[in-house]
Amino acid sequence: MAEVTDADFGTEVLGSELPVLVEFTADWCPPCRQMGPVLTALAAEEGERLKVVQLDVDTNPLTTNAYRVLSMPTFMVFRDGEPVRSMVGARAKRRLLEELTDVL
């Protein structure tokens, strides 16, 4: 799973031809660490339909503030450069897939 930064968010997320699931995460966040294997599996299984990336909120405050992310993990789905879905909190892969069905 790729990591994005304030510097490449525009190119990697907003400019992506695929929908992009962004996890706003932090090293100190236990639920974020739990989501690592879930997101890695999701990226491997849905890579042709969905790009999955992480953004560290502590080292990328511009993007974090621009999208008003206050809780971790926060998941945002971007399609055609616009946020189309936002979800807060850890979840099982099955639930995450269900919540992404209409954006894929």
PDB file of N, CA and C in Angstrom:
ATOM      1  N   MET A   1       0.843  -1.169   0.000  1.00  0.00           N
ATOM      2  CA  MET A   1       0.000   0.000   0.000  1.00  0.00           C
ATOM      3  C   MET A   1       0.895   1.241   0.000  1.00  0.00           C
ATOM      4  N   ALA A   2       0.533   2.185  -0.828  1.00  0.00           N
ATOM      5  CA  ALA A   2       1.347   3.388  -0.985  1.00  0.00           C
ATOM      6  C   ALA A   2       1.057   4.412   0.104  1.00  0.00           C
ATOM      7  N   GLU A   3       2.056   5.240   0.364  1.00  0.00           N
ATOM      8  CA  GLU A   3       1.876   6.374   1.264  1.00  0.00           C
ATOM      9  C   GLU A   3       1.900   7.641   0.424  1.00  0.00           C
ATOM     10  N   VAL A   4       1.036   8.593   0.778  1.00  0.00           N
ATOM     11  CA  VAL A   4       1.026   9.876   0.091  1.00  0.00           C
ATOM     12  C   VAL A   4       1.349  10.970   1.098  1.00  0.00           C
ATOM     13  N   THR A   5       1.739  12.124   0.577  1.00  0.00           N
ATOM     14  CA  THR A   5       2.120  13.253   1.403  1.00  0.00           C
ATOM     15  C   THR A   5       1.382  14.498   0.926  1.00  0.00           C
ATOM     16  N   ASP A   6       1.541  15.574   1.671  1.00  0.00           N
ATOM     17  CA  ASP A   6       0.987  16.850   1.220  1.00  0.00           C
ATOM     18  C   ASP A   6       1.495  17.183  -0.181  1.00  0.00           C
ATOM     19  N   ALA A   7       2.766  16.890  -0.437  1.00  0.00           N
ATOM     20  CA  ALA A   7       3.393  17.255  -1.707  1.00  0.00           C
ATOM     21  C   ALA A   7       2.831  16.504  -2.907  1.00  0.00           C
ATOM     22  N   ASP A   8       2.467  15.225  -2.731  1.00  0.00           N
ATOM     23  CA  ASP A   8       1.994  14.462  -3.889  1.00  0.00           C
ATOM     24  C   ASP A   8       0.512  14.080  -3.831  1.00  0.00           C
ATOM     25  N   PHE A   9      -0.217  14.612  -2.873  1.00  0.00           N
ATOM     26  CA  PHE A   9      -1.645  14.280  -2.733  1.00  0.00           C
ATOM     27  C   PHE A   9      -2.415  14.652  -4.006  1.00  0.00           C
ATOM     28  N   GLY A  10      -2.140  15.811  -4.552  1.00  0.00           N
ATOM     29  CA  GLY A  10      -2.839  16.250  -5.760  1.00  0.00           C
ATOM     30  C   GLY A  10      -2.646  15.292  -6.918  1.00  0.00           C
ATOM     31  N   THR A  11      -1.432  14.860  -7.131  1.00  0.00           N
ATOM     32  CA  THR A  11      -1.128  13.946  -8.227  1.00  0.00           C
ATOM     33  C   THR A  11      -1.652  12.545  -7.963  1.00  0.00           C
ATOM     34  N   GLU A  12      -1.317  12.006  -6.781  1.00  0.00           N
ATOM     35  CA  GLU A  12      -1.621  10.609  -6.476  1.00  0.00           C
ATOM     36  C   GLU A  12      -3.094  10.336  -6.160  1.00  0.00           C
ATOM     37  N   VAL A  13      -3.768  11.306  -5.572  1.00  0.00           N
ATOM     38  CA  VAL A  13      -5.159  11.094  -5.164  1.00  0.00           C
ATOM     39  C   VAL A  13      -6.120  11.866  -6.067  1.00  0.00           C
ATOM     40  N   LEU A  14      -5.982  13.173  -6.079  1.00  0.00           N
ATOM     41  CA  LEU A  14      -6.926  13.993  -6.839  1.00  0.00           C
ATOM     42  C   LEU A  14      -6.810  13.768  -8.343  1.00  0.00           C
ATOM     43  N   GLY A  15      -5.625  13.422  -8.811  1.00  0.00           N
ATOM     44  CA  GLY A  15      -5.416  13.202 -10.235  1.00  0.00           C
ATOM     45  C   GLY A  15      -5.550  11.756 -10.680  1.00  0.00           C
ATOM     46  N   SER A  16      -5.916  10.865  -9.787  1.00  0.00           N
ATOM     47  CA  SER A  16      -6.006   9.444 -10.112  1.00  0.00           C
ATOM     48  C   SER A  16      -7.212   9.147 -11.004  1.00  0.00           C
ATOM     49  N   GLU A  17      -7.001   8.252 -11.945  1.00  0.00           N
ATOM     50  CA  GLU A  17      -8.116   7.815 -12.796  1.00  0.00           C
ATOM     51  C   GLU A  17      -9.008   6.814 -12.075  1.00  0.00           C
ATOM     52  N   LEU A  18      -8.449   6.119 -11.099  1.00  0.00           N
ATOM     53  CA  LEU A  18      -9.231   5.176 -10.286  1.00  0.00           C
ATOM     54  C   LEU A  18      -9.775   5.899  -9.060  1.00  0.00           C
ATOM     55  N   PRO A  19     -10.873   5.408  -8.475  1.00  0.00           N
ATOM     56  CA  PRO A  19     -11.257   5.913  -7.154  1.00  0.00           C
ATOM     57  C   PRO A  19     -10.119   5.609  -6.176  1.00  0.00           C
ATOM     58  N   VAL A  20      -9.937   6.479  -5.174  1.00  0.00           N
ATOM     59  CA  VAL A  20      -8.845   6.319  -4.221  1.00  0.00           C
ATOM     60  C   VAL A  20      -9.412   6.299  -2.808  1.00  0.00           C
ATOM     61  N   LEU A  21      -9.059   5.271  -2.052  1.00  0.00           N
ATOM     62  CA  LEU A  21      -9.387   5.202  -0.634  1.00  0.00           C
ATOM     63  C   LEU A  21      -8.161   5.693   0.122  1.00  0.00           C
ATOM     64  N   VAL A  22      -8.327   6.791   0.861  1.00  0.00           N
ATOM     65  CA  VAL A  22      -7.232   7.359   1.651  1.00  0.00           C
ATOM     66  C   VAL A  22      -7.503   7.064   3.119  1.00  0.00           C
ATOM     67  N   GLU A  23      -6.538   6.442   3.783  1.00  0.00           N
ATOM     68  CA  GLU A  23      -6.620   6.304   5.227  1.00  0.00           C
ATOM     69  C   GLU A  23      -5.775   7.418   5.841  1.00  0.00           C
ATOM     70  N   PHE A  24      -6.420   8.296   6.589  1.00  0.00           N
ATOM     71  CA  PHE A  24      -5.713   9.304   7.375  1.00  0.00           C
ATOM     72  C   PHE A  24      -5.327   8.598   8.668  1.00  0.00           C
ATOM     73  N   THR A  25      -4.034   8.480   8.916  1.00  0.00           N
ATOM     74  CA  THR A  25      -3.534   7.609   9.962  1.00  0.00           C
ATOM     75  C   THR A  25      -2.444   8.298  10.774  1.00  0.00           C
ATOM     76  N   ALA A  26      -2.045   7.650  11.860  1.00  0.00           N
ATOM     77  CA  ALA A  26      -0.944   8.130  12.684  1.00  0.00           C
ATOM     78  C   ALA A  26      -0.256   6.930  13.329  1.00  0.00           C
ATOM     79  N   ASP A  27       1.049   7.041  13.525  1.00  0.00           N
ATOM     80  CA  ASP A  27       1.809   5.941  14.134  1.00  0.00           C
ATOM     81  C   ASP A  27       1.318   5.603  15.539  1.00  0.00           C
ATOM     82  N   TRP A  28       0.843   6.590  16.268  1.00  0.00           N
ATOM     83  CA  TRP A  28       0.435   6.408  17.661  1.00  0.00           C
ATOM     84  C   TRP A  28      -0.995   5.877  17.802  1.00  0.00           C
ATOM     85  N   CYS A  29      -1.667   5.602  16.705  1.00  0.00           N
ATOM     86  CA  CYS A  29      -3.089   5.218  16.702  1.00  0.00           C
ATOM     87  C   CYS A  29      -3.243   3.692  16.604  1.00  0.00           C
ATOM     88  N   PRO A  30      -3.595   2.998  17.716  1.00  0.00           N
ATOM     89  CA  PRO A  30      -3.763   1.541  17.655  1.00  0.00           C
ATOM     90  C   PRO A  30      -4.793   1.065  16.625  1.00  0.00           C
ATOM     91  N   PRO A  31      -5.983   1.688  16.509  1.00  0.00           N
ATOM     92  CA  PRO A  31      -6.918   1.226  15.481  1.00  0.00           C
ATOM     93  C   PRO A  31      -6.361   1.380  14.062  1.00  0.00           C
ATOM     94  N   CYS A  32      -5.524   2.394  13.863  1.00  0.00           N
ATOM     95  CA  CYS A  32      -4.896   2.580  12.545  1.00  0.00           C
ATOM     96  C   CYS A  32      -3.971   1.412  12.238  1.00  0.00           C
ATOM     97  N   ARG A  33      -3.200   1.005  13.235  1.00  0.00           N
ATOM     98  CA  ARG A  33      -2.291  -0.131  13.036  1.00  0.00           C
ATOM     99  C   ARG A  33      -3.082  -1.406  12.742  1.00  0.00           C
ATOM    100  N   GLN A  34      -4.249  -1.569  13.368  1.00  0.00           N
ATOM    101  CA  GLN A  34      -5.092  -2.732  13.099  1.00  0.00           C
ATOM    102  C   GLN A  34      -5.565  -2.747  11.653  1.00  0.00           C
ATOM    103  N   MET A  35      -5.742  -1.585  11.072  1.00  0.00           N
ATOM    104  CA  MET A  35      -6.262  -1.496   9.710  1.00  0.00           C
ATOM    105  C   MET A  35      -5.205  -1.811   8.653  1.00  0.00           C
ATOM    106  N   GLY A  36      -3.930  -1.789   9.017  1.00  0.00           N
ATOM    107  CA  GLY A  36      -2.867  -2.050   8.049  1.00  0.00           C
ATOM    108  C   GLY A  36      -3.063  -3.322   7.240  1.00  0.00           C
ATOM    109  N   PRO A  37      -3.219  -4.486   7.883  1.00  0.00           N
ATOM    110  CA  PRO A  37      -3.412  -5.721   7.120  1.00  0.00           C
ATOM    111  C   PRO A  37      -4.710  -5.719   6.307  1.00  0.00           C
ATOM    112  N   VAL A  38      -5.747  -5.108   6.838  1.00  0.00           N
ATOM    113  CA  VAL A  38      -7.030  -5.039   6.118  1.00  0.00           C
ATOM    114  C   VAL A  38      -6.862  -4.243   4.828  1.00  0.00           C
ATOM    115  N   LEU A  39      -6.205  -3.098   4.923  1.00  0.00           N
ATOM    116  CA  LEU A  39      -6.025  -2.249   3.750  1.00  0.00           C
ATOM    117  C   LEU A  39      -5.046  -2.852   2.746  1.00  0.00           C
ATOM    118  N   THR A  40      -4.029  -3.544   3.237  1.00  0.00           N
ATOM    119  CA  THR A  40      -3.094  -4.220   2.342  1.00  0.00           C
ATOM    120  C   THR A  40      -3.821  -5.292   1.546  1.00  0.00           C
ATOM    121  N   ALA A  41      -4.669  -6.074   2.207  1.00  0.00           N
ATOM    122  CA  ALA A  41      -5.455  -7.106   1.520  1.00  0.00           C
ATOM    123  C   ALA A  41      -6.430  -6.474   0.534  1.00  0.00           C
ATOM    124  N   LEU A  42      -7.081  -5.394   0.945  1.00  0.00           N
ATOM    125  CA  LEU A  42      -8.029  -4.710   0.064  1.00  0.00           C
ATOM    126  C   LEU A  42      -7.321  -4.186  -1.180  1.00  0.00           C
ATOM    127  N   ALA A  43      -6.159  -3.597  -1.008  1.00  0.00           N
ATOM    128  CA  ALA A  43      -5.392  -3.079  -2.142  1.00  0.00           C
ATOM    129  C   ALA A  43      -5.008  -4.199  -3.104  1.00  0.00           C
ATOM    130  N   ALA A  44      -4.630  -5.354  -2.557  1.00  0.00           N
ATOM    131  CA  ALA A  44      -4.245  -6.490  -3.398  1.00  0.00           C
ATOM    132  C   ALA A  44      -5.440  -7.051  -4.160  1.00  0.00           C
ATOM    133  N   GLU A  45      -6.587  -7.121  -3.504  1.00  0.00           N
ATOM    134  CA  GLU A  45      -7.773  -7.723  -4.113  1.00  0.00           C
ATOM    135  C   GLU A  45      -8.510  -6.792  -5.066  1.00  0.00           C
ATOM    136  N   GLU A  46      -8.498  -5.511  -4.780  1.00  0.00           N
ATOM    137  CA  GLU A  46      -9.288  -4.552  -5.565  1.00  0.00           C
ATOM    138  C   GLU A  46      -8.427  -3.573  -6.352  1.00  0.00           C
ATOM    139  N   GLY A  47      -7.146  -3.880  -6.514  1.00  0.00           N
ATOM    140  CA  GLY A  47      -6.201  -2.961  -7.137  1.00  0.00           C
ATOM    141  C   GLY A  47      -6.547  -2.499  -8.535  1.00  0.00           C
ATOM    142  N   GLU A  48      -7.326  -3.267  -9.260  1.00  0.00           N
ATOM    143  CA  GLU A  48      -7.707  -2.852 -10.614  1.00  0.00           C
ATOM    144  C   GLU A  48      -8.860  -1.861 -10.595  1.00  0.00           C
ATOM    145  N   ARG A  49      -9.610  -1.820  -9.478  1.00  0.00           N
ATOM    146  CA  ARG A  49     -10.774  -0.926  -9.389  1.00  0.00           C
ATOM    147  C   ARG A  49     -10.599   0.191  -8.381  1.00  0.00           C
ATOM    148  N   LEU A  50      -9.624   0.053  -7.475  1.00  0.00           N
ATOM    149  CA  LEU A  50      -9.488   0.990  -6.364  1.00  0.00           C
ATOM    150  C   LEU A  50      -8.022   1.138  -5.981  1.00  0.00           C
ATOM    151  N   LYS A  51      -7.601   2.370  -5.806  1.00  0.00           N
ATOM    152  CA  LYS A  51      -6.261   2.655  -5.304  1.00  0.00           C
ATOM    153  C   LYS A  51      -6.393   2.900  -3.805  1.00  0.00           C
ATOM    154  N   VAL A  52      -5.515   2.300  -3.003  1.00  0.00           N
ATOM    155  CA  VAL A  52      -5.559   2.433  -1.547  1.00  0.00           C
ATOM    156  C   VAL A  52      -4.248   3.056  -1.083  1.00  0.00           C
ATOM    157  N   VAL A  53      -4.357   4.168  -0.345  1.00  0.00           N
ATOM    158  CA  VAL A  53      -3.163   4.866   0.133  1.00  0.00           C
ATOM    159  C   VAL A  53      -3.352   5.302   1.578  1.00  0.00           C
ATOM    160  N   GLN A  54      -2.232   5.608   2.226  1.00  0.00           N
ATOM    161  CA  GLN A  54      -2.242   6.129   3.591  1.00  0.00           C
ATOM    162  C   GLN A  54      -1.613   7.512   3.602  1.00  0.00           C
ATOM    163  N   LEU A  55      -2.108   8.362   4.499  1.00  0.00           N
ATOM    164  CA  LEU A  55      -1.524   9.680   4.706  1.00  0.00           C
ATOM    165  C   LEU A  55      -1.338   9.869   6.200  1.00  0.00           C
ATOM    166  N   ASP A  56      -0.093  10.096   6.630  1.00  0.00           N
ATOM    167  CA  ASP A  56       0.204  10.305   8.043  1.00  0.00           C
ATOM    168  C   ASP A  56      -0.198  11.724   8.426  1.00  0.00           C
ATOM    169  N   VAL A  57      -1.129  11.836   9.367  1.00  0.00           N
ATOM    170  CA  VAL A  57      -1.665  13.154   9.738  1.00  0.00           C
ATOM    171  C   VAL A  57      -0.635  14.024  10.450  1.00  0.00           C
ATOM    172  N   ASP A  58       0.305  13.418  11.149  1.00  0.00           N
ATOM    173  CA  ASP A  58       1.292  14.183  11.897  1.00  0.00           C
ATOM    174  C   ASP A  58       2.317  14.862  10.986  1.00  0.00           C
ATOM    175  N   THR A  59       2.647  14.221   9.884  1.00  0.00           N
ATOM    176  CA  THR A  59       3.663  14.780   8.993  1.00  0.00           C
ATOM    177  C   THR A  59       3.065  15.468   7.769  1.00  0.00           C
ATOM    178  N   ASN A  60       1.744  15.448   7.649  1.00  0.00           N
ATOM    179  CA  ASN A  60       1.065  16.054   6.495  1.00  0.00           C
ATOM    180  C   ASN A  60      -0.128  16.897   6.944  1.00  0.00           C
ATOM    181  N   PRO A  61       0.138  17.971   7.678  1.00  0.00           N
ATOM    182  CA  PRO A  61      -0.956  18.763   8.242  1.00  0.00           C
ATOM    183  C   PRO A  61      -1.783  19.540   7.217  1.00  0.00           C
ATOM    184  N   LEU A  62      -1.204  19.884   6.080  1.00  0.00           N
ATOM    185  CA  LEU A  62      -1.959  20.677   5.100  1.00  0.00           C
ATOM    186  C   LEU A  62      -3.168  19.903   4.574  1.00  0.00           C
ATOM    187  N   THR A  63      -2.948  18.683   4.144  1.00  0.00           N
ATOM    188  CA  THR A  63      -4.043  17.859   3.625  1.00  0.00           C
ATOM    189  C   THR A  63      -5.005  17.481   4.742  1.00  0.00           C
ATOM    190  N   THR A  64      -4.465  17.124   5.894  1.00  0.00           N
ATOM    191  CA  THR A  64      -5.298  16.760   7.039  1.00  0.00           C
ATOM    192  C   THR A  64      -6.245  17.898   7.397  1.00  0.00           C
ATOM    193  N   ASN A  65      -5.732  19.113   7.473  1.00  0.00           N
ATOM    194  CA  ASN A  65      -6.564  20.270   7.808  1.00  0.00           C
ATOM    195  C   ASN A  65      -7.526  20.632   6.683  1.00  0.00           C
ATOM    196  N   ALA A  66      -7.086  20.499   5.450  1.00  0.00           N
ATOM    197  CA  ALA A  66      -7.944  20.842   4.314  1.00  0.00           C
ATOM    198  C   ALA A  66      -9.217  19.999   4.294  1.00  0.00           C
ATOM    199  N   TYR A  67      -9.111  18.749   4.716  1.00  0.00           N
ATOM    200  CA  TYR A  67     -10.277  17.856   4.721  1.00  0.00           C
ATOM    201  C   TYR A  67     -10.882  17.689   6.110  1.00  0.00           C
ATOM    202  N   ARG A  68     -10.456  18.543   7.037  1.00  0.00           N
ATOM    203  CA  ARG A  68     -11.005  18.614   8.393  1.00  0.00           C
ATOM    204  C   ARG A  68     -11.016  17.257   9.101  1.00  0.00           C
ATOM    205  N   VAL A  69      -9.919  16.541   8.986  1.00  0.00           N
ATOM    206  CA  VAL A  69      -9.792  15.240   9.641  1.00  0.00           C
ATOM    207  C   VAL A  69      -9.429  15.470  11.096  1.00  0.00           C
ATOM    208  N   LEU A  70     -10.270  14.950  11.991  1.00  0.00           N
ATOM    209  CA  LEU A  70     -10.062  15.130  13.424  1.00  0.00           C
ATOM    210  C   LEU A  70      -9.846  13.826  14.172  1.00  0.00           C
ATOM    211  N   SER A  71     -10.314  12.723  13.627  1.00  0.00           N
ATOM    212  CA  SER A  71     -10.224  11.416  14.292  1.00  0.00           C
ATOM    213  C   SER A  71      -9.497  10.440  13.391  1.00  0.00           C
ATOM    214  N   MET A  72      -8.794   9.502  14.037  1.00  0.00           N
ATOM    215  CA  MET A  72      -8.097   8.489  13.284  1.00  0.00           C
ATOM    216  C   MET A  72      -8.550   7.101  13.724  1.00  0.00           C
ATOM    217  N   PRO A  73      -8.657   6.180  12.785  1.00  0.00           N
ATOM    218  CA  PRO A  73      -8.469   6.405  11.362  1.00  0.00           C
ATOM    219  C   PRO A  73      -9.720   7.035  10.735  1.00  0.00           C
ATOM    220  N   THR A  74      -9.492   7.918   9.787  1.00  0.00           N
ATOM    221  CA  THR A  74     -10.556   8.437   8.928  1.00  0.00           C
ATOM    222  C   THR A  74     -10.263   7.936   7.535  1.00  0.00           C
ATOM    223  N   PHE A  75     -11.287   7.440   6.885  1.00  0.00           N
ATOM    224  CA  PHE A  75     -11.168   6.964   5.507  1.00  0.00           C
ATOM    225  C   PHE A  75     -11.976   7.895   4.620  1.00  0.00           C
ATOM    226  N   MET A  76     -11.366   8.346   3.550  1.00  0.00           N
ATOM    227  CA  MET A  76     -12.073   9.151   2.570  1.00  0.00           C
ATOM    228  C   MET A  76     -11.866   8.526   1.198  1.00  0.00           C
ATOM    229  N   VAL A  77     -12.957   8.484   0.441  1.00  0.00           N
ATOM    230  CA  VAL A  77     -12.887   7.986  -0.924  1.00  0.00           C
ATOM    231  C   VAL A  77     -12.978   9.188  -1.857  1.00  0.00           C
ATOM    232  N   PHE A  78     -12.028   9.265  -2.772  1.00  0.00           N
ATOM    233  CA  PHE A  78     -11.996  10.336  -3.760  1.00  0.00           C
ATOM    234  C   PHE A  78     -12.243   9.739  -5.141  1.00  0.00           C
ATOM    235  N   ARG A  79     -13.110  10.385  -5.888  1.00  0.00           N
ATOM    236  CA  ARG A  79     -13.361   9.986  -7.274  1.00  0.00           C
ATOM    237  C   ARG A  79     -13.367  11.256  -8.108  1.00  0.00           C
ATOM    238  N   ASP A  80     -12.625  11.254  -9.194  1.00  0.00           N
ATOM    239  CA  ASP A  80     -12.531  12.415 -10.082  1.00  0.00           C
ATOM    240  C   ASP A  80     -12.122  13.668  -9.314  1.00  0.00           C
ATOM    241  N   GLY A  81     -11.208  13.503  -8.371  1.00  0.00           N
ATOM    242  CA  GLY A  81     -10.668  14.628  -7.633  1.00  0.00           C
ATOM    243  C   GLY A  81     -11.536  15.175  -6.522  1.00  0.00           C
ATOM    244  N   GLU A  82     -12.649  14.528  -6.233  1.00  0.00           N
ATOM    245  CA  GLU A  82     -13.570  15.007  -5.207  1.00  0.00           C
ATOM    246  C   GLU A  82     -13.813  13.929  -4.149  1.00  0.00           C
ATOM    247  N   PRO A  83     -13.934  14.337  -2.882  1.00  0.00           N
ATOM    248  CA  PRO A  83     -14.295  13.352  -1.853  1.00  0.00           C
ATOM    249  C   PRO A  83     -15.761  12.951  -2.018  1.00  0.00           C
ATOM    250  N   VAL A  84     -16.012  11.650  -2.061  1.00  0.00           N
ATOM    251  CA  VAL A  84     -17.378  11.159  -2.256  1.00  0.00           C
ATOM    252  C   VAL A  84     -17.886  10.331  -1.074  1.00  0.00           C
ATOM    253  N   ARG A  85     -17.000   9.988  -0.143  1.00  0.00           N
ATOM    254  CA  ARG A  85     -17.406   9.198   1.013  1.00  0.00           C
ATOM    255  C   ARG A  85     -16.403   9.409   2.118  1.00  0.00           C
ATOM    256  N   SER A  86     -16.887   9.461   3.353  1.00  0.00           N
ATOM    257  CA  SER A  86     -16.019   9.591   4.515  1.00  0.00           C
ATOM    258  C   SER A  86     -16.511   8.637   5.596  1.00  0.00           C
ATOM    259  N   MET A  87     -15.577   7.940   6.229  1.00  0.00           N
ATOM    260  CA  MET A  87     -15.904   6.985   7.279  1.00  0.00           C
ATOM    261  C   MET A  87     -14.862   7.131   8.386  1.00  0.00           C
ATOM    262  N   VAL A  88     -15.292   7.019   9.621  1.00  0.00           N
ATOM    263  CA  VAL A  88     -14.379   7.164  10.749  1.00  0.00           C
ATOM    264  C   VAL A  88     -14.395   5.890  11.577  1.00  0.00           C
ATOM    265  N   GLY A  89     -13.211   5.418  11.931  1.00  0.00           N
ATOM    266  CA  GLY A  89     -13.089   4.261  12.812  1.00  0.00           C
ATOM    267  C   GLY A  89     -12.688   2.994  12.082  1.00  0.00           C
ATOM    268  N   ALA A  90     -12.035   2.107  12.830  1.00  0.00           N
ATOM    269  CA  ALA A  90     -11.610   0.821  12.281  1.00  0.00           C
ATOM    270  C   ALA A  90     -12.825  -0.025  11.938  1.00  0.00           C
ATOM    271  N   ARG A  91     -12.656  -0.878  10.948  1.00  0.00           N
ATOM    272  CA  ARG A  91     -13.741  -1.759  10.532  1.00  0.00           C
ATOM    273  C   ARG A  91     -13.161  -3.000   9.868  1.00  0.00           C
ATOM    274  N   ALA A  92     -13.959  -4.033   9.824  1.00  0.00           N
ATOM    275  CA  ALA A  92     -13.558  -5.281   9.171  1.00  0.00           C
ATOM    276  C   ALA A  92     -13.556  -5.069   7.654  1.00  0.00           C
ATOM    277  N   LYS A  93     -12.772  -5.882   6.957  1.00  0.00           N
ATOM    278  CA  LYS A  93     -12.672  -5.754   5.503  1.00  0.00           C
ATOM    279  C   LYS A  93     -14.033  -5.905   4.834  1.00  0.00           C
ATOM    280  N   ARG A  94     -14.841  -6.845   5.301  1.00  0.00           N
ATOM    281  CA  ARG A  94     -16.155  -7.067   4.700  1.00  0.00           C
ATOM    282  C   ARG A  94     -17.026  -5.816   4.806  1.00  0.00           C
ATOM    283  N   ARG A  95     -17.025  -5.197   5.979  1.00  0.00           N
ATOM    284  CA  ARG A  95     -17.825  -3.981   6.167  1.00  0.00           C
ATOM    285  C   ARG A  95     -17.295  -2.847   5.287  1.00  0.00           C
ATOM    286  N   LEU A  96     -15.984  -2.726   5.211  1.00  0.00           N
ATOM    287  CA  LEU A  96     -15.383  -1.692   4.389  1.00  0.00           C
ATOM    288  C   LEU A  96     -15.767  -1.884   2.924  1.00  0.00           C
ATOM    289  N   LEU A  97     -15.707  -3.107   2.443  1.00  0.00           N
ATOM    290  CA  LEU A  97     -16.115  -3.404   1.061  1.00  0.00           C
ATOM    291  C   LEU A  97     -17.585  -3.060   0.830  1.00  0.00           C
ATOM    292  N   GLU A  98     -18.441  -3.377   1.795  1.00  0.00           N
ATOM    293  CA  GLU A  98     -19.864  -3.048   1.666  1.00  0.00           C
ATOM    294  C   GLU A  98     -20.051  -1.541   1.549  1.00  0.00           C
ATOM    295  N   GLU A  99     -19.292  -0.787   2.331  1.00  0.00           N
ATOM    296  CA  GLU A  99     -19.418   0.666   2.305  1.00  0.00           C
ATOM    297  C   GLU A  99     -18.837   1.275   1.030  1.00  0.00           C
ATOM    298  N   LEU A 100     -17.999   0.532   0.335  1.00  0.00           N
ATOM    299  CA  LEU A 100     -17.395   1.030  -0.895  1.00  0.00           C
ATOM    300  C   LEU A 100     -18.124   0.583  -2.152  1.00  0.00           C
ATOM    301  N   THR A 101     -19.113  -0.281  -2.012  1.00  0.00           N
ATOM    302  CA  THR A 101     -19.776  -0.877  -3.175  1.00  0.00           C
ATOM    303  C   THR A 101     -20.275   0.168  -4.155  1.00  0.00           C
ATOM    304  N   ASP A 102     -20.917   1.204  -3.694  1.00  0.00           N
ATOM    305  CA  ASP A 102     -21.488   2.176  -4.627  1.00  0.00           C
ATOM    306  C   ASP A 102     -20.479   3.142  -5.234  1.00  0.00           C
ATOM    307  N   VAL A 103     -19.253   3.161  -4.734  1.00  0.00           N
ATOM    308  CA  VAL A 103     -18.248   4.041  -5.319  1.00  0.00           C
ATOM    309  C   VAL A 103     -17.281   3.313  -6.239  1.00  0.00           C
ATOM    310  N   LEU A 104     -17.351   1.988  -6.241  1.00  0.00           N
ATOM    311  CA  LEU A 104     -16.466   1.214  -7.129  1.00  0.00           C
ATOM    312  C   LEU A 104     -17.091   0.982  -8.479  1.00  0.00           C
TER     313      LEU A 104
END
